[in-house]
Amino acid sequence: MRNEMIGAVVRRAIEHPEFRRRLVENPQEALSAHGFALEDAEMHEIQRISSSIGDSGTDAEQRLVTIAEQYGVHLKPE
């Protein structure tokens, strides 16, 4: 279940740039506003991910796609 929840958050961040921005700025607030209720271990992982995408600059979306694949989320090519 952990990977599925993290994958859902990462997918949302890829599909919605505003959510991605909010996730980097304040992960707990962004998750709560979008109805995600995560356990502590999941929350720590999301905070780690949000820090890494915040540091990655303009390639944040590509970084998220790579992370999504690690959690078993396969996005459809556009």
PDB file of N, CA and C in Angstrom:
ATOM      1  N   MET A   1       0.813  -1.188   0.000  1.00  0.00           N
ATOM      2  CA  MET A   1       0.000   0.000   0.000  1.00  0.00           C
ATOM      3  C   MET A   1       0.861   1.259   0.000  1.00  0.00           C
ATOM      4  N   ARG A   2       2.014   1.195   0.664  1.00  0.00           N
ATOM      5  CA  ARG A   2       2.878   2.368   0.751  1.00  0.00           C
ATOM      6  C   ARG A   2       3.288   2.861  -0.639  1.00  0.00           C
ATOM      7  N   ASN A   3       3.766   1.955  -1.478  1.00  0.00           N
ATOM      8  CA  ASN A   3       4.189   2.348  -2.815  1.00  0.00           C
ATOM      9  C   ASN A   3       3.028   2.910  -3.628  1.00  0.00           C
ATOM     10  N   GLU A   4       1.841   2.371  -3.442  1.00  0.00           N
ATOM     11  CA  GLU A   4       0.674   2.856  -4.178  1.00  0.00           C
ATOM     12  C   GLU A   4       0.328   4.284  -3.772  1.00  0.00           C
ATOM     13  N   MET A   5       0.388   4.583  -2.479  1.00  0.00           N
ATOM     14  CA  MET A   5       0.084   5.937  -2.012  1.00  0.00           C
ATOM     15  C   MET A   5       1.128   6.931  -2.499  1.00  0.00           C
ATOM     16  N   ILE A   6       2.388   6.569  -2.377  1.00  0.00           N
ATOM     17  CA  ILE A   6       3.453   7.455  -2.832  1.00  0.00           C
ATOM     18  C   ILE A   6       3.355   7.635  -4.345  1.00  0.00           C
ATOM     19  N   GLY A   7       3.085   6.564  -5.049  1.00  0.00           N
ATOM     20  CA  GLY A   7       2.904   6.651  -6.495  1.00  0.00           C
ATOM     21  C   GLY A   7       1.754   7.572  -6.877  1.00  0.00           C
ATOM     22  N   ALA A   8       0.666   7.525  -6.130  1.00  0.00           N
ATOM     23  CA  ALA A   8      -0.484   8.403  -6.406  1.00  0.00           C
ATOM     24  C   ALA A   8      -0.117   9.862  -6.204  1.00  0.00           C
ATOM     25  N   VAL A   9       0.652  10.148  -5.167  1.00  0.00           N
ATOM     26  CA  VAL A   9       1.083  11.529  -4.911  1.00  0.00           C
ATOM     27  C   VAL A   9       2.006  12.001  -6.032  1.00  0.00           C
ATOM     28  N   VAL A  10       2.938  11.157  -6.424  1.00  0.00           N
ATOM     29  CA  VAL A  10       3.881  11.522  -7.491  1.00  0.00           C
ATOM     30  C   VAL A  10       3.132  11.725  -8.804  1.00  0.00           C
ATOM     31  N   ARG A  11       2.174  10.854  -9.096  1.00  0.00           N
ATOM     32  CA  ARG A  11       1.380  11.015 -10.325  1.00  0.00           C
ATOM     33  C   ARG A  11       0.648  12.356 -10.313  1.00  0.00           C
ATOM     34  N   ARG A  12       0.040  12.690  -9.194  1.00  0.00           N
ATOM     35  CA  ARG A  12      -0.671  13.970  -9.081  1.00  0.00           C
ATOM     36  C   ARG A  12       0.286  15.137  -9.298  1.00  0.00           C
ATOM     37  N   ALA A  13       1.497  15.031  -8.757  1.00  0.00           N
ATOM     38  CA  ALA A  13       2.490  16.097  -8.920  1.00  0.00           C
ATOM     39  C   ALA A  13       2.912  16.251 -10.375  1.00  0.00           C
ATOM     40  N   ILE A  14       2.969  15.150 -11.092  1.00  0.00           N
ATOM     41  CA  ILE A  14       3.328  15.210 -12.519  1.00  0.00           C
ATOM     42  C   ILE A  14       2.199  15.857 -13.312  1.00  0.00           C
ATOM     43  N   GLU A  15       0.981  15.453 -13.028  1.00  0.00           N
ATOM     44  CA  GLU A  15      -0.171  15.898 -13.814  1.00  0.00           C
ATOM     45  C   GLU A  15      -0.638  17.306 -13.470  1.00  0.00           C
ATOM     46  N   HIS A  16      -0.309  17.794 -12.266  1.00  0.00           N
ATOM     47  CA  HIS A  16      -0.811  19.095 -11.819  1.00  0.00           C
ATOM     48  C   HIS A  16       0.341  19.958 -11.305  1.00  0.00           C
ATOM     49  N   PRO A  17       0.869  20.843 -12.151  1.00  0.00           N
ATOM     50  CA  PRO A  17       2.006  21.686 -11.747  1.00  0.00           C
ATOM     51  C   PRO A  17       1.752  22.519 -10.485  1.00  0.00           C
ATOM     52  N   GLU A  18       0.537  22.971 -10.275  1.00  0.00           N
ATOM     53  CA  GLU A  18       0.244  23.752  -9.071  1.00  0.00           C
ATOM     54  C   GLU A  18       0.392  22.883  -7.823  1.00  0.00           C
ATOM     55  N   PHE A  19      -0.089  21.662  -7.880  1.00  0.00           N
ATOM     56  CA  PHE A  19       0.088  20.732  -6.760  1.00  0.00           C
ATOM     57  C   PHE A  19       1.572  20.479  -6.534  1.00  0.00           C
ATOM     58  N   ARG A  20       2.317  20.300  -7.604  1.00  0.00           N
ATOM     59  CA  ARG A  20       3.763  20.071  -7.503  1.00  0.00           C
ATOM     60  C   ARG A  20       4.434  21.243  -6.794  1.00  0.00           C
ATOM     61  N   ARG A  21       4.083  22.463  -7.161  1.00  0.00           N
ATOM     62  CA  ARG A  21       4.658  23.647  -6.532  1.00  0.00           C
ATOM     63  C   ARG A  21       4.339  23.669  -5.039  1.00  0.00           C
ATOM     64  N   ARG A  22       3.071  23.406  -4.708  1.00  0.00           N
ATOM     65  CA  ARG A  22       2.655  23.398  -3.304  1.00  0.00           C
ATOM     66  C   ARG A  22       3.316  22.265  -2.537  1.00  0.00           C
ATOM     67  N   LEU A  23       3.528  21.131  -3.194  1.00  0.00           N
ATOM     68  CA  LEU A  23       4.173  19.991  -2.560  1.00  0.00           C
ATOM     69  C   LEU A  23       5.614  20.328  -2.164  1.00  0.00           C
ATOM     70  N   VAL A  24       6.296  21.073  -3.000  1.00  0.00           N
ATOM     71  CA  VAL A  24       7.665  21.482  -2.702  1.00  0.00           C
ATOM     72  C   VAL A  24       7.676  22.499  -1.564  1.00  0.00           C
ATOM     73  N   GLU A  25       6.735  23.438  -1.598  1.00  0.00           N
ATOM     74  CA  GLU A  25       6.710  24.506  -0.595  1.00  0.00           C
ATOM     75  C   GLU A  25       6.267  24.001   0.777  1.00  0.00           C
ATOM     76  N   ASN A  26       5.205  23.194   0.813  1.00  0.00           N
ATOM     77  CA  ASN A  26       4.657  22.728   2.090  1.00  0.00           C
ATOM     78  C   ASN A  26       3.970  21.379   1.860  1.00  0.00           C
ATOM     79  N   PRO A  27       4.723  20.290   1.943  1.00  0.00           N
ATOM     80  CA  PRO A  27       4.165  18.973   1.631  1.00  0.00           C
ATOM     81  C   PRO A  27       2.916  18.613   2.432  1.00  0.00           C
ATOM     82  N   GLN A  28       2.925  18.843   3.725  1.00  0.00           N
ATOM     83  CA  GLN A  28       1.773  18.444   4.543  1.00  0.00           C
ATOM     84  C   GLN A  28       0.515  19.191   4.136  1.00  0.00           C
ATOM     85  N   GLU A  29       0.625  20.477   3.903  1.00  0.00           N
ATOM     86  CA  GLU A  29      -0.539  21.272   3.503  1.00  0.00           C
ATOM     87  C   GLU A  29      -1.052  20.846   2.131  1.00  0.00           C
ATOM     88  N   ALA A  30      -0.143  20.638   1.199  1.00  0.00           N
ATOM     89  CA  ALA A  30      -0.536  20.224  -0.150  1.00  0.00           C
ATOM     90  C   ALA A  30      -1.255  18.879  -0.128  1.00  0.00           C
ATOM     91  N   LEU A  31      -0.715  17.938   0.624  1.00  0.00           N
ATOM     92  CA  LEU A  31      -1.318  16.611   0.700  1.00  0.00           C
ATOM     93  C   LEU A  31      -2.692  16.664   1.349  1.00  0.00           C
ATOM     94  N   SER A  32      -2.796  17.400   2.411  1.00  0.00           N
ATOM     95  CA  SER A  32      -4.069  17.531   3.115  1.00  0.00           C
ATOM     96  C   SER A  32      -5.126  18.169   2.221  1.00  0.00           C
ATOM     97  N   ALA A  33      -4.744  19.207   1.502  1.00  0.00           N
ATOM     98  CA  ALA A  33      -5.682  19.909   0.626  1.00  0.00           C
ATOM     99  C   ALA A  33      -6.195  19.012  -0.498  1.00  0.00           C
ATOM    100  N   HIS A  34      -5.414  18.019  -0.879  1.00  0.00           N
ATOM    101  CA  HIS A  34      -5.809  17.113  -1.962  1.00  0.00           C
ATOM    102  C   HIS A  34      -6.337  15.784  -1.444  1.00  0.00           C
ATOM    103  N   GLY A  35      -6.581  15.707  -0.138  1.00  0.00           N
ATOM    104  CA  GLY A  35      -7.226  14.529   0.429  1.00  0.00           C
ATOM    105  C   GLY A  35      -6.325  13.340   0.693  1.00  0.00           C
ATOM    106  N   PHE A  36      -5.018  13.537   0.666  1.00  0.00           N
ATOM    107  CA  PHE A  36      -4.104  12.450   0.962  1.00  0.00           C
ATOM    108  C   PHE A  36      -3.890  12.376   2.471  1.00  0.00           C
ATOM    109  N   ALA A  37      -4.031  11.191   3.023  1.00  0.00           N
ATOM    110  CA  ALA A  37      -3.753  10.949   4.444  1.00  0.00           C
ATOM    111  C   ALA A  37      -2.661   9.887   4.511  1.00  0.00           C
ATOM    112  N   LEU A  38      -1.461  10.318   4.831  1.00  0.00           N
ATOM    113  CA  LEU A  38      -0.318   9.416   4.803  1.00  0.00           C
ATOM    114  C   LEU A  38       0.169   9.085   6.205  1.00  0.00           C
ATOM    115  N   GLU A  39       0.714   7.892   6.345  1.00  0.00           N
ATOM    116  CA  GLU A  39       1.349   7.489   7.591  1.00  0.00           C
ATOM    117  C   GLU A  39       2.720   8.162   7.664  1.00  0.00           C
ATOM    118  N   ASP A  40       3.331   8.113   8.837  1.00  0.00           N
ATOM    119  CA  ASP A  40       4.610   8.796   9.049  1.00  0.00           C
ATOM    120  C   ASP A  40       5.685   8.382   8.052  1.00  0.00           C
ATOM    121  N   ALA A  41       5.833   7.092   7.817  1.00  0.00           N
ATOM    122  CA  ALA A  41       6.876   6.617   6.891  1.00  0.00           C
ATOM    123  C   ALA A  41       6.633   7.150   5.481  1.00  0.00           C
ATOM    124  N   GLU A  42       5.376   7.142   5.053  1.00  0.00           N
ATOM    125  CA  GLU A  42       5.042   7.673   3.733  1.00  0.00           C
ATOM    126  C   GLU A  42       5.307   9.172   3.675  1.00  0.00           C
ATOM    127  N   MET A  43       4.947   9.874   4.743  1.00  0.00           N
ATOM    128  CA  MET A  43       5.141  11.318   4.784  1.00  0.00           C
ATOM    129  C   MET A  43       6.623  11.669   4.712  1.00  0.00           C
ATOM    130  N   HIS A  44       7.454  10.919   5.406  1.00  0.00           N
ATOM    131  CA  HIS A  44       8.900  11.166   5.344  1.00  0.00           C
ATOM    132  C   HIS A  44       9.426  10.957   3.928  1.00  0.00           C
ATOM    133  N   GLU A  45       8.932   9.937   3.253  1.00  0.00           N
ATOM    134  CA  GLU A  45       9.358   9.671   1.876  1.00  0.00           C
ATOM    135  C   GLU A  45       8.894  10.797   0.948  1.00  0.00           C
ATOM    136  N   ILE A  46       7.674  11.275   1.116  1.00  0.00           N
ATOM    137  CA  ILE A  46       7.174  12.382   0.287  1.00  0.00           C
ATOM    138  C   ILE A  46       7.986  13.644   0.551  1.00  0.00           C
ATOM    139  N   GLN A  47       8.338  13.892   1.794  1.00  0.00           N
ATOM    140  CA  GLN A  47       9.160  15.066   2.103  1.00  0.00           C
ATOM    141  C   GLN A  47      10.531  14.946   1.444  1.00  0.00           C
ATOM    142  N   ARG A  48      11.086  13.745   1.438  1.00  0.00           N
ATOM    143  CA  ARG A  48      12.369  13.524   0.767  1.00  0.00           C
ATOM    144  C   ARG A  48      12.233  13.776  -0.743  1.00  0.00           C
ATOM    145  N   ILE A  49      11.161  13.268  -1.311  1.00  0.00           N
ATOM    146  CA  ILE A  49      10.923  13.456  -2.742  1.00  0.00           C
ATOM    147  C   ILE A  49      10.701  14.931  -3.057  1.00  0.00           C
ATOM    148  N   SER A  50       9.900  15.611  -2.258  1.00  0.00           N
ATOM    149  CA  SER A  50       9.624  17.026  -2.532  1.00  0.00           C
ATOM    150  C   SER A  50      10.892  17.856  -2.425  1.00  0.00           C
ATOM    151  N   SER A  51      11.776  17.503  -1.506  1.00  0.00           N
ATOM    152  CA  SER A  51      13.060  18.206  -1.403  1.00  0.00           C
ATOM    153  C   SER A  51      13.896  17.975  -2.650  1.00  0.00           C
ATOM    154  N   SER A  52      13.893  16.751  -3.144  1.00  0.00           N
ATOM    155  CA  SER A  52      14.711  16.452  -4.318  1.00  0.00           C
ATOM    156  C   SER A  52      14.167  17.123  -5.572  1.00  0.00           C
ATOM    157  N   ILE A  53      12.845  17.241  -5.700  1.00  0.00           N
ATOM    158  CA  ILE A  53      12.319  17.919  -6.892  1.00  0.00           C
ATOM    159  C   ILE A  53      12.460  19.420  -6.752  1.00  0.00           C
ATOM    160  N   GLY A  54      12.443  19.925  -5.535  1.00  0.00           N
ATOM    161  CA  GLY A  54      12.664  21.349  -5.322  1.00  0.00           C
ATOM    162  C   GLY A  54      14.079  21.755  -5.678  1.00  0.00           C
ATOM    163  N   ASP A  55      15.029  20.842  -5.494  1.00  0.00           N
ATOM    164  CA  ASP A  55      16.429  21.099  -5.794  1.00  0.00           C
ATOM    165  C   ASP A  55      16.777  20.859  -7.254  1.00  0.00           C
ATOM    166  N   SER A  56      15.883  20.206  -7.996  1.00  0.00           N
ATOM    167  CA  SER A  56      16.230  19.789  -9.355  1.00  0.00           C
ATOM    168  C   SER A  56      15.982  20.863 -10.409  1.00  0.00           C
ATOM    169  N   GLY A  57      15.408  21.989 -10.038  1.00  0.00           N
ATOM    170  CA  GLY A  57      15.219  23.086 -10.978  1.00  0.00           C
ATOM    171  C   GLY A  57      14.196  22.790 -12.047  1.00  0.00           C
ATOM    172  N   THR A  58      14.556  23.047 -13.285  1.00  0.00           N
ATOM    173  CA  THR A  58      13.600  22.954 -14.377  1.00  0.00           C
ATOM    174  C   THR A  58      13.269  21.527 -14.787  1.00  0.00           C
ATOM    175  N   ASP A  59      14.038  20.556 -14.375  1.00  0.00           N
ATOM    176  CA  ASP A  59      13.770  19.180 -14.779  1.00  0.00           C
ATOM    177  C   ASP A  59      12.925  18.440 -13.749  1.00  0.00           C
ATOM    178  N   ALA A  60      12.132  19.160 -12.972  1.00  0.00           N
ATOM    179  CA  ALA A  60      11.320  18.561 -11.909  1.00  0.00           C
ATOM    180  C   ALA A  60      10.366  17.513 -12.460  1.00  0.00           C
ATOM    181  N   GLU A  61       9.734  17.794 -13.583  1.00  0.00           N
ATOM    182  CA  GLU A  61       8.780  16.837 -14.141  1.00  0.00           C
ATOM    183  C   GLU A  61       9.472  15.541 -14.545  1.00  0.00           C
ATOM    184  N   GLN A  62      10.628  15.640 -15.179  1.00  0.00           N
ATOM    185  CA  GLN A  62      11.359  14.433 -15.574  1.00  0.00           C
ATOM    186  C   GLN A  62      11.819  13.672 -14.340  1.00  0.00           C
ATOM    187  N   ARG A  63      12.235  14.374 -13.326  1.00  0.00           N
ATOM    188  CA  ARG A  63      12.637  13.729 -12.058  1.00  0.00           C
ATOM    189  C   ARG A  63      11.451  12.968 -11.460  1.00  0.00           C
ATOM    190  N   LEU A  64      10.271  13.581 -11.505  1.00  0.00           N
ATOM    191  CA  LEU A  64       9.069  12.928 -10.979  1.00  0.00           C
ATOM    192  C   LEU A  64       8.703  11.685 -11.788  1.00  0.00           C
ATOM    193  N   VAL A  65       8.873  11.737 -13.090  1.00  0.00           N
ATOM    194  CA  VAL A  65       8.591  10.564 -13.928  1.00  0.00           C
ATOM    195  C   VAL A  65       9.512   9.418 -13.529  1.00  0.00           C
ATOM    196  N   THR A  66      10.764   9.710 -13.287  1.00  0.00           N
ATOM    197  CA  THR A  66      11.719   8.688 -12.853  1.00  0.00           C
ATOM    198  C   THR A  66      11.314   8.115 -11.498  1.00  0.00           C
ATOM    199  N   ILE A  67      10.929   8.983 -10.572  1.00  0.00           N
ATOM    200  CA  ILE A  67      10.487   8.537  -9.246  1.00  0.00           C
ATOM    201  C   ILE A  67       9.223   7.695  -9.368  1.00  0.00           C
ATOM    202  N   ALA A  68       8.289   8.134 -10.206  1.00  0.00           N
ATOM    203  CA  ALA A  68       7.040   7.386 -10.395  1.00  0.00           C
ATOM    204  C   ALA A  68       7.325   5.962 -10.852  1.00  0.00           C
ATOM    205  N   GLU A  69       8.247   5.816 -11.780  1.00  0.00           N
ATOM    206  CA  GLU A  69       8.597   4.487 -12.279  1.00  0.00           C
ATOM    207  C   GLU A  69       9.170   3.614 -11.170  1.00  0.00           C
ATOM    208  N   GLN A  70       9.912   4.211 -10.236  1.00  0.00           N
ATOM    209  CA  GLN A  70      10.466   3.458  -9.107  1.00  0.00           C
ATOM    210  C   GLN A  70       9.345   2.917  -8.212  1.00  0.00           C
ATOM    211  N   TYR A  71       8.218   3.604  -8.198  1.00  0.00           N
ATOM    212  CA  TYR A  71       7.088   3.188  -7.368  1.00  0.00           C
ATOM    213  C   TYR A  71       6.014   2.444  -8.168  1.00  0.00           C
ATOM    214  N   GLY A  72       6.358   2.037  -9.383  1.00  0.00           N
ATOM    215  CA  GLY A  72       5.453   1.212 -10.160  1.00  0.00           C
ATOM    216  C   GLY A  72       4.377   1.976 -10.921  1.00  0.00           C
ATOM    217  N   VAL A  73       4.519   3.281 -11.044  1.00  0.00           N
ATOM    218  CA  VAL A  73       3.551   4.089 -11.786  1.00  0.00           C
ATOM    219  C   VAL A  73       4.099   4.268 -13.193  1.00  0.00           C
ATOM    220  N   HIS A  74       3.333   3.800 -14.161  1.00  0.00           N
ATOM    221  CA  HIS A  74       3.746   3.920 -15.561  1.00  0.00           C
ATOM    222  C   HIS A  74       2.792   4.871 -16.243  1.00  0.00           C
ATOM    223  N   LEU A  75       3.331   5.997 -16.660  1.00  0.00           N
ATOM    224  CA  LEU A  75       2.515   7.038 -17.276  1.00  0.00           C
ATOM    225  C   LEU A  75       2.380   6.777 -18.764  1.00  0.00           C
ATOM    226  N   LYS A  76       1.231   7.135 -19.288  1.00  0.00           N
ATOM    227  CA  LYS A  76       0.999   6.984 -20.724  1.00  0.00           C
ATOM    228  C   LYS A  76       1.770   8.069 -21.458  1.00  0.00           C
ATOM    229  N   PRO A  77       2.433   7.705 -22.554  1.00  0.00           N
ATOM    230  CA  PRO A  77       3.112   8.736 -23.343  1.00  0.00           C
ATOM    231  C   PRO A  77       2.083   9.663 -23.967  1.00  0.00           C
ATOM    232  N   GLU A  78       2.429  10.935 -24.042  1.00  0.00           N
ATOM    233  CA  GLU A  78       1.490  11.911 -24.626  1.00  0.00           C
ATOM    234  C   GLU A  78       1.573  11.923 -26.125  1.00  0.00           C
TER     235      GLU A  78
END
